[in-house]
PDB file of N, CA and C in Angstrom:
ATOM      1  N   MET A   1    -115.822 -83.486 -78.379  1.00  0.00           N
ATOM      2  CA  MET A   1    -114.211 -82.740 -78.055  1.00  0.00           C
ATOM      3  C   MET A   1    -113.809 -84.005 -77.392  1.00  0.00           C
ATOM      4  N   THR A   2    -112.593 -83.976 -77.726  1.00  0.00           N
ATOM      5  CA  THR A   2    -111.448 -84.934 -77.066  1.00  0.00           C
ATOM      6  C   THR A   2    -110.844 -84.429 -75.889  1.00  0.00           C
ATOM      7  N   SER A   3    -110.861 -85.085 -74.652  1.00  0.00           N
ATOM      8  CA  SER A   3    -110.069 -84.484 -73.484  1.00  0.00           C
ATOM      9  C   SER A   3    -108.469 -85.161 -73.339  1.00  0.00           C
ATOM     10  N   HIS A   4    -107.683 -84.209 -73.315  1.00  0.00           N
ATOM     11  CA  HIS A   4    -106.492 -84.375 -72.723  1.00  0.00           C
ATOM     12  C   HIS A   4    -106.072 -84.138 -71.334  1.00  0.00           C
ATOM     13  N   GLN A   5    -106.135 -85.411 -70.371  1.00  0.00           N
ATOM     14  CA  GLN A   5    -105.995 -84.805 -69.182  1.00  0.00           C
ATOM     15  C   GLN A   5    -104.459 -85.447 -68.955  1.00  0.00           C
ATOM     16  N   GLY A   6    -103.551 -85.172 -69.812  1.00  0.00           N
ATOM     17  CA  GLY A   6    -102.011 -85.457 -68.833  1.00  0.00           C
ATOM     18  C   GLY A   6    -101.450 -84.729 -68.139  1.00  0.00           C
ATOM     19  N   ARG A   7    -100.589 -85.654 -67.483  1.00  0.00           N
ATOM     20  CA  ARG A   7    -100.003 -84.596 -65.962  1.00  0.00           C
ATOM     21  C   ARG A   7     -98.527 -84.055 -66.663  1.00  0.00           C
ATOM     22  N   LEU A   8     -98.340 -82.903 -66.042  1.00  0.00           N
ATOM     23  CA  LEU A   8     -97.322 -82.177 -66.405  1.00  0.00           C
ATOM     24  C   LEU A   8     -95.957 -82.533 -65.684  1.00  0.00           C
ATOM     25  N   SER A   9     -94.597 -82.777 -66.383  1.00  0.00           N
ATOM     26  CA  SER A   9     -93.735 -83.609 -65.743  1.00  0.00           C
ATOM     27  C   SER A   9     -93.209 -82.451 -64.585  1.00  0.00           C
ATOM     28  N   ARG A  10     -92.324 -82.597 -63.648  1.00  0.00           N
ATOM     29  CA  ARG A  10     -91.668 -81.925 -62.737  1.00  0.00           C
ATOM     30  C   ARG A  10     -90.889 -80.861 -63.207  1.00  0.00           C
ATOM     31  N   ASP A  11     -90.361 -81.368 -64.423  1.00  0.00           N
ATOM     32  CA  ASP A  11     -89.289 -80.682 -65.259  1.00  0.00           C
ATOM     33  C   ASP A  11     -90.023 -79.110 -65.698  1.00  0.00           C
ATOM     34  N   VAL A  12     -91.794 -79.626 -66.178  1.00  0.00           N
ATOM     35  CA  VAL A  12     -92.103 -78.347 -66.870  1.00  0.00           C
ATOM     36  C   VAL A  12     -92.634 -77.564 -65.831  1.00  0.00           C
ATOM     37  N   VAL A  13     -93.379 -78.034 -64.669  1.00  0.00           N
ATOM     38  CA  VAL A  13     -93.526 -77.353 -63.523  1.00  0.00           C
ATOM     39  C   VAL A  13     -92.453 -76.343 -63.360  1.00  0.00           C
ATOM     40  N   GLU A  14     -91.535 -76.482 -63.191  1.00  0.00           N
ATOM     41  CA  GLU A  14     -90.481 -76.077 -62.799  1.00  0.00           C
ATOM     42  C   GLU A  14     -90.182 -74.816 -63.395  1.00  0.00           C
ATOM     43  N   SER A  15     -90.014 -75.401 -64.590  1.00  0.00           N
ATOM     44  CA  SER A  15     -89.661 -74.287 -65.828  1.00  0.00           C
ATOM     45  C   SER A  15     -90.597 -73.097 -66.027  1.00  0.00           C
ATOM     46  N   LEU A  16     -92.183 -73.556 -65.759  1.00  0.00           N
ATOM     47  CA  LEU A  16     -93.144 -72.521 -65.535  1.00  0.00           C
ATOM     48  C   LEU A  16     -93.122 -71.684 -64.713  1.00  0.00           C
ATOM     49  N   THR A  17     -92.645 -72.068 -63.449  1.00  0.00           N
ATOM     50  CA  THR A  17     -92.770 -71.643 -61.856  1.00  0.00           C
ATOM     51  C   THR A  17     -91.247 -70.738 -61.532  1.00  0.00           C
ATOM     52  N   LEU A  18     -90.363 -70.795 -62.666  1.00  0.00           N
ATOM     53  CA  LEU A  18     -89.289 -70.008 -62.048  1.00  0.00           C
ATOM     54  C   LEU A  18     -89.542 -68.743 -61.847  1.00  0.00           C
ATOM     55  N   ASP A  19     -89.075 -68.001 -61.009  1.00  0.00           N
ATOM     56  CA  ASP A  19     -88.736 -66.621 -60.901  1.00  0.00           C
ATOM     57  C   ASP A  19     -87.898 -66.027 -61.826  1.00  0.00           C
ATOM     58  N   THR A  20     -88.409 -64.896 -62.605  1.00  0.00           N
ATOM     59  CA  THR A  20     -87.840 -64.763 -63.750  1.00  0.00           C
ATOM     60  C   THR A  20     -86.944 -63.227 -63.240  1.00  0.00           C
ATOM     61  N   GLU A  21     -87.306 -62.464 -62.072  1.00  0.00           N
ATOM     62  CA  GLU A  21     -86.602 -61.492 -61.558  1.00  0.00           C
ATOM     63  C   GLU A  21     -85.240 -61.584 -61.309  1.00  0.00           C
ATOM     64  N   PRO A  22     -84.468 -60.489 -61.559  1.00  0.00           N
ATOM     65  CA  PRO A  22     -84.578 -59.424 -62.503  1.00  0.00           C
ATOM     66  C   PRO A  22     -84.865 -59.843 -63.966  1.00  0.00           C
ATOM     67  N   TRP A  23     -85.818 -59.038 -64.723  1.00  0.00           N
ATOM     68  CA  TRP A  23     -86.054 -59.513 -66.091  1.00  0.00           C
ATOM     69  C   TRP A  23     -84.862 -59.135 -67.183  1.00  0.00           C
ATOM     70  N   LEU A  24     -84.573 -59.943 -68.259  1.00  0.00           N
ATOM     71  CA  LEU A  24     -83.598 -59.163 -69.086  1.00  0.00           C
ATOM     72  C   LEU A  24     -84.113 -60.407 -70.268  1.00  0.00           C
ATOM     73  N   SER A  25     -84.385 -59.660 -71.476  1.00  0.00           N
ATOM     74  CA  SER A  25     -84.941 -59.935 -72.461  1.00  0.00           C
ATOM     75  C   SER A  25     -83.617 -60.894 -73.305  1.00  0.00           C
ATOM     76  N   CYS A  26     -83.911 -61.758 -74.338  1.00  0.00           N
ATOM     77  CA  CYS A  26     -83.439 -62.493 -75.422  1.00  0.00           C
ATOM     78  C   CYS A  26     -82.189 -61.605 -75.832  1.00  0.00           C
ATOM     79  N   GLU A  27     -82.876 -60.586 -76.268  1.00  0.00           N
ATOM     80  CA  GLU A  27     -81.843 -59.416 -77.165  1.00  0.00           C
ATOM     81  C   GLU A  27     -80.951 -58.772 -76.308  1.00  0.00           C
ATOM     82  N   GLU A  28     -81.411 -58.416 -74.961  1.00  0.00           N
ATOM     83  CA  GLU A  28     -80.257 -57.803 -73.933  1.00  0.00           C
ATOM     84  C   GLU A  28     -79.354 -59.271 -73.586  1.00  0.00           C
ATOM     85  N   CYS A  29     -79.982 -60.111 -73.302  1.00  0.00           N
ATOM     86  CA  CYS A  29     -78.808 -61.364 -72.757  1.00  0.00           C
ATOM     87  C   CYS A  29     -77.723 -61.806 -74.255  1.00  0.00           C
ATOM     88  N   PHE A  30     -78.387 -61.474 -75.313  1.00  0.00           N
ATOM     89  CA  PHE A  30     -77.560 -61.898 -76.638  1.00  0.00           C
ATOM     90  C   PHE A  30     -76.119 -61.116 -76.471  1.00  0.00           C
ATOM     91  N   ASP A  31     -76.580 -59.710 -76.228  1.00  0.00           N
ATOM     92  CA  ASP A  31     -75.678 -58.537 -76.427  1.00  0.00           C
ATOM     93  C   ASP A  31     -74.674 -58.946 -75.031  1.00  0.00           C
ATOM     94  N   LEU A  32     -75.035 -59.417 -73.835  1.00  0.00           N
ATOM     95  CA  LEU A  32     -74.172 -59.531 -72.797  1.00  0.00           C
ATOM     96  C   LEU A  32     -73.092 -60.995 -73.011  1.00  0.00           C
ATOM     97  N   MET A  33     -73.501 -61.691 -73.768  1.00  0.00           N
ATOM     98  CA  MET A  33     -73.062 -63.125 -73.530  1.00  0.00           C
ATOM     99  C   MET A  33     -71.792 -63.566 -74.352  1.00  0.00           C
ATOM    100  N   ASP A  34     -70.988 -62.293 -75.060  1.00  0.00           N
ATOM    101  CA  ASP A  34     -69.660 -62.597 -75.136  1.00  0.00           C
ATOM    102  C   ASP A  34     -68.952 -62.523 -73.599  1.00  0.00           C
ATOM    103  N   SER A  35     -69.134 -61.260 -73.063  1.00  0.00           N
ATOM    104  CA  SER A  35     -68.903 -60.937 -71.745  1.00  0.00           C
ATOM    105  C   SER A  35     -68.947 -61.823 -70.670  1.00  0.00           C
ATOM    106  N   TYR A  36     -70.047 -62.249 -70.807  1.00  0.00           N
ATOM    107  CA  TYR A  36     -70.458 -63.032 -69.769  1.00  0.00           C
ATOM    108  C   TYR A  36     -69.882 -64.892 -69.807  1.00  0.00           C
ATOM    109  N   ALA A  37     -69.715 -64.857 -71.244  1.00  0.00           N
ATOM    110  CA  ALA A  37     -69.110 -66.396 -71.483  1.00  0.00           C
ATOM    111  C   ALA A  37     -67.566 -66.320 -70.974  1.00  0.00           C
ATOM    112  N   GLU A  38     -66.946 -65.033 -71.704  1.00  0.00           N
ATOM    113  CA  GLU A  38     -65.343 -64.776 -70.715  1.00  0.00           C
ATOM    114  C   GLU A  38     -65.251 -64.840 -69.506  1.00  0.00           C
ATOM    115  N   ALA A  39     -65.873 -64.177 -68.647  1.00  0.00           N
ATOM    116  CA  ALA A  39     -66.474 -64.301 -67.275  1.00  0.00           C
ATOM    117  C   ALA A  39     -66.368 -65.526 -66.870  1.00  0.00           C
ATOM    118  N   VAL A  40     -67.051 -66.062 -67.246  1.00  0.00           N
ATOM    119  CA  VAL A  40     -67.331 -68.039 -66.696  1.00  0.00           C
ATOM    120  C   VAL A  40     -65.817 -68.590 -67.334  1.00  0.00           C
ATOM    121  N   VAL A  41     -65.538 -68.463 -67.902  1.00  0.00           N
ATOM    122  CA  VAL A  41     -64.071 -69.437 -68.396  1.00  0.00           C
ATOM    123  C   VAL A  41     -63.065 -68.792 -67.720  1.00  0.00           C
ATOM    124  N   ALA A  42     -62.735 -67.604 -67.138  1.00  0.00           N
ATOM    125  CA  ALA A  42     -61.968 -66.666 -66.570  1.00  0.00           C
ATOM    126  C   ALA A  42     -62.315 -66.845 -64.728  1.00  0.00           C
ATOM    127  N   GLY A  43     -63.484 -67.408 -64.520  1.00  0.00           N
ATOM    128  CA  GLY A  43     -63.638 -67.703 -63.351  1.00  0.00           C
ATOM    129  C   GLY A  43     -64.010 -66.486 -62.518  1.00  0.00           C
ATOM    130  N   THR A  44     -64.398 -65.099 -63.135  1.00  0.00           N
ATOM    131  CA  THR A  44     -64.365 -63.606 -62.437  1.00  0.00           C
ATOM    132  C   THR A  44     -65.515 -63.636 -62.235  1.00  0.00           C
ATOM    133  N   GLU A  45     -66.094 -64.316 -60.781  1.00  0.00           N
ATOM    134  CA  GLU A  45     -67.269 -64.031 -60.528  1.00  0.00           C
ATOM    135  C   GLU A  45     -67.868 -62.663 -60.577  1.00  0.00           C
ATOM    136  N   PRO A  46     -67.298 -61.484 -60.036  1.00  0.00           N
ATOM    137  CA  PRO A  46     -67.729 -59.959 -60.218  1.00  0.00           C
ATOM    138  C   PRO A  46     -67.909 -59.846 -61.052  1.00  0.00           C
ATOM    139  N   ARG A  47     -67.836 -60.410 -62.366  1.00  0.00           N
ATOM    140  CA  ARG A  47     -68.297 -59.740 -63.526  1.00  0.00           C
ATOM    141  C   ARG A  47     -69.526 -60.568 -63.775  1.00  0.00           C
ATOM    142  N   ARG A  48     -69.540 -61.745 -63.511  1.00  0.00           N
ATOM    143  CA  ARG A  48     -71.018 -62.257 -64.023  1.00  0.00           C
ATOM    144  C   ARG A  48     -72.201 -61.487 -63.324  1.00  0.00           C
ATOM    145  N   ARG A  49     -73.288 -61.659 -64.086  1.00  0.00           N
ATOM    146  CA  ARG A  49     -74.728 -61.186 -63.890  1.00  0.00           C
ATOM    147  C   ARG A  49     -75.710 -61.790 -63.546  1.00  0.00           C
ATOM    148  N   HIS A  50     -76.113 -61.469 -62.288  1.00  0.00           N
ATOM    149  CA  HIS A  50     -77.112 -62.249 -61.771  1.00  0.00           C
ATOM    150  C   HIS A  50     -78.715 -61.834 -62.674  1.00  0.00           C
ATOM    151  N   ASP A  51     -78.687 -61.164 -63.465  1.00  0.00           N
ATOM    152  CA  ASP A  51     -79.750 -61.143 -64.260  1.00  0.00           C
ATOM    153  C   ASP A  51     -79.444 -62.213 -65.338  1.00  0.00           C
ATOM    154  N   MET A  52     -78.326 -62.223 -65.784  1.00  0.00           N
ATOM    155  CA  MET A  52     -78.089 -63.115 -67.064  1.00  0.00           C
ATOM    156  C   MET A  52     -78.436 -64.735 -66.335  1.00  0.00           C
ATOM    157  N   GLU A  53     -77.613 -65.089 -65.190  1.00  0.00           N
ATOM    158  CA  GLU A  53     -78.054 -66.593 -64.333  1.00  0.00           C
ATOM    159  C   GLU A  53     -79.174 -66.977 -64.781  1.00  0.00           C
ATOM    160  N   VAL A  54     -80.185 -65.602 -64.144  1.00  0.00           N
ATOM    161  CA  VAL A  54     -81.820 -65.814 -64.035  1.00  0.00           C
ATOM    162  C   VAL A  54     -82.334 -66.132 -65.713  1.00  0.00           C
ATOM    163  N   HIS A  55     -82.138 -65.473 -66.559  1.00  0.00           N
ATOM    164  CA  HIS A  55     -82.272 -65.788 -67.995  1.00  0.00           C
ATOM    165  C   HIS A  55     -82.093 -66.903 -68.366  1.00  0.00           C
ATOM    166  N   LEU A  56     -80.853 -67.302 -67.912  1.00  0.00           N
ATOM    167  CA  LEU A  56     -80.321 -68.294 -68.611  1.00  0.00           C
ATOM    168  C   LEU A  56     -81.052 -69.566 -68.129  1.00  0.00           C
ATOM    169  N   ARG A  57     -81.219 -69.624 -67.103  1.00  0.00           N
ATOM    170  CA  ARG A  57     -81.981 -70.665 -66.011  1.00  0.00           C
ATOM    171  C   ARG A  57     -83.687 -71.065 -66.535  1.00  0.00           C
ATOM    172  N   ALA A  58     -84.339 -69.783 -67.174  1.00  0.00           N
ATOM    173  CA  ALA A  58     -85.362 -69.958 -67.943  1.00  0.00           C
ATOM    174  C   ALA A  58     -85.342 -69.896 -69.322  1.00  0.00           C
ATOM    175  N   CYS A  59     -84.356 -69.879 -70.239  1.00  0.00           N
ATOM    176  CA  CYS A  59     -84.237 -69.579 -71.357  1.00  0.00           C
ATOM    177  C   CYS A  59     -83.363 -70.610 -72.100  1.00  0.00           C
ATOM    178  N   PRO A  60     -84.028 -71.866 -72.716  1.00  0.00           N
ATOM    179  CA  PRO A  60     -83.071 -72.920 -73.364  1.00  0.00           C
ATOM    180  C   PRO A  60     -82.100 -72.682 -74.196  1.00  0.00           C
ATOM    181  N   ALA A  61     -82.931 -71.507 -75.326  1.00  0.00           N
ATOM    182  CA  ALA A  61     -82.030 -71.111 -76.333  1.00  0.00           C
ATOM    183  C   ALA A  61     -80.994 -70.469 -75.904  1.00  0.00           C
ATOM    184  N   CYS A  62     -80.955 -69.423 -75.048  1.00  0.00           N
ATOM    185  CA  CYS A  62     -79.747 -68.472 -74.599  1.00  0.00           C
ATOM    186  C   CYS A  62     -78.850 -69.306 -73.698  1.00  0.00           C
ATOM    187  N   PHE A  63     -79.356 -70.311 -72.971  1.00  0.00           N
ATOM    188  CA  PHE A  63     -78.512 -71.022 -72.303  1.00  0.00           C
ATOM    189  C   PHE A  63     -77.752 -71.935 -73.087  1.00  0.00           C
ATOM    190  N   GLN A  64     -78.190 -72.691 -74.443  1.00  0.00           N
ATOM    191  CA  GLN A  64     -77.556 -73.399 -75.214  1.00  0.00           C
ATOM    192  C   GLN A  64     -76.429 -72.718 -75.988  1.00  0.00           C
ATOM    193  N   GLU A  65     -77.049 -71.390 -76.447  1.00  0.00           N
ATOM    194  CA  GLU A  65     -75.902 -70.325 -76.899  1.00  0.00           C
ATOM    195  C   GLU A  65     -74.886 -70.059 -75.954  1.00  0.00           C
ATOM    196  N   VAL A  66     -74.541 -69.962 -74.633  1.00  0.00           N
ATOM    197  CA  VAL A  66     -74.061 -69.728 -73.755  1.00  0.00           C
ATOM    198  C   VAL A  66     -72.872 -70.810 -73.732  1.00  0.00           C
ATOM    199  N   GLU A  67     -73.210 -71.815 -73.506  1.00  0.00           N
ATOM    200  CA  GLU A  67     -72.897 -72.933 -73.406  1.00  0.00           C
ATOM    201  C   GLU A  67     -71.812 -73.582 -74.367  1.00  0.00           C
ATOM    202  N   SER A  68     -72.165 -72.950 -75.896  1.00  0.00           N
ATOM    203  CA  SER A  68     -71.544 -73.209 -77.033  1.00  0.00           C
ATOM    204  C   SER A  68     -70.347 -72.189 -76.929  1.00  0.00           C
ATOM    205  N   LEU A  69     -70.573 -71.148 -76.478  1.00  0.00           N
ATOM    206  CA  LEU A  69     -69.386 -69.735 -76.272  1.00  0.00           C
ATOM    207  C   LEU A  69     -68.431 -70.089 -75.658  1.00  0.00           C
ATOM    208  N   VAL A  70     -68.982 -70.789 -74.323  1.00  0.00           N
ATOM    209  CA  VAL A  70     -68.214 -71.331 -73.530  1.00  0.00           C
ATOM    210  C   VAL A  70     -67.118 -72.411 -73.632  1.00  0.00           C
ATOM    211  N   ALA A  71     -67.820 -73.452 -74.257  1.00  0.00           N
ATOM    212  CA  ALA A  71     -66.716 -74.595 -75.210  1.00  0.00           C
ATOM    213  C   ALA A  71     -65.976 -74.072 -75.719  1.00  0.00           C
ATOM    214  N   LEU A  72     -66.281 -73.313 -76.680  1.00  0.00           N
ATOM    215  CA  LEU A  72     -65.321 -72.487 -77.670  1.00  0.00           C
ATOM    216  C   LEU A  72     -64.081 -71.905 -77.037  1.00  0.00           C
ATOM    217  N   LEU A  73     -64.335 -71.110 -76.103  1.00  0.00           N
ATOM    218  CA  LEU A  73     -63.361 -70.300 -75.189  1.00  0.00           C
ATOM    219  C   LEU A  73     -62.286 -71.248 -74.437  1.00  0.00           C
ATOM    220  N   GLN A  74     -63.088 -72.344 -73.580  1.00  0.00           N
ATOM    221  CA  GLN A  74     -62.386 -73.328 -73.222  1.00  0.00           C
ATOM    222  C   GLN A  74     -61.304 -74.061 -74.111  1.00  0.00           C
ATOM    223  N   GLN A  75     -61.934 -74.311 -75.615  1.00  0.00           N
ATOM    224  CA  GLN A  75     -61.116 -74.942 -76.484  1.00  0.00           C
ATOM    225  C   GLN A  75     -59.904 -74.269 -76.975  1.00  0.00           C
ATOM    226  N   ASP A  76     -60.148 -72.996 -77.010  1.00  0.00           N
ATOM    227  CA  ASP A  76     -59.264 -71.764 -77.435  1.00  0.00           C
ATOM    228  C   ASP A  76     -57.995 -71.908 -76.224  1.00  0.00           C
ATOM    229  N   SER A  77     -58.564 -71.642 -75.424  1.00  0.00           N
ATOM    230  CA  SER A  77     -57.623 -71.425 -74.322  1.00  0.00           C
ATOM    231  C   SER A  77     -56.610 -72.877 -73.556  1.00  0.00           C
ATOM    232  N   ALA A  78     -57.231 -73.768 -74.181  1.00  0.00           N
ATOM    233  CA  ALA A  78     -56.701 -75.050 -73.649  1.00  0.00           C
ATOM    234  C   ALA A  78     -55.146 -75.170 -75.128  1.00  0.00           C
ATOM    235  N   ASP A  79     -55.774 -74.767 -76.263  1.00  0.00           N
ATOM    236  CA  ASP A  79     -55.059 -74.648 -77.623  1.00  0.00           C
ATOM    237  C   ASP A  79     -53.684 -73.786 -77.151  1.00  0.00           C
TER     238      ASP A  79
END
């Protein structure tokens, strides 16, 4: 049997130990993405959600989707 005793990078360790409370699933996150991205662009902090921010820190796929939505909304508002 081959032994692979590699070291985990700091980024990997941090991603594995992130506090993900309050819990929000990807499906729930996806349902809220449009309004969340609009709040980010508008700067309306009270409408931003802590559970979304926690989920986005832990989920690269959802984070990338929100980033894309924010970029599109910012582009639309600049036109």
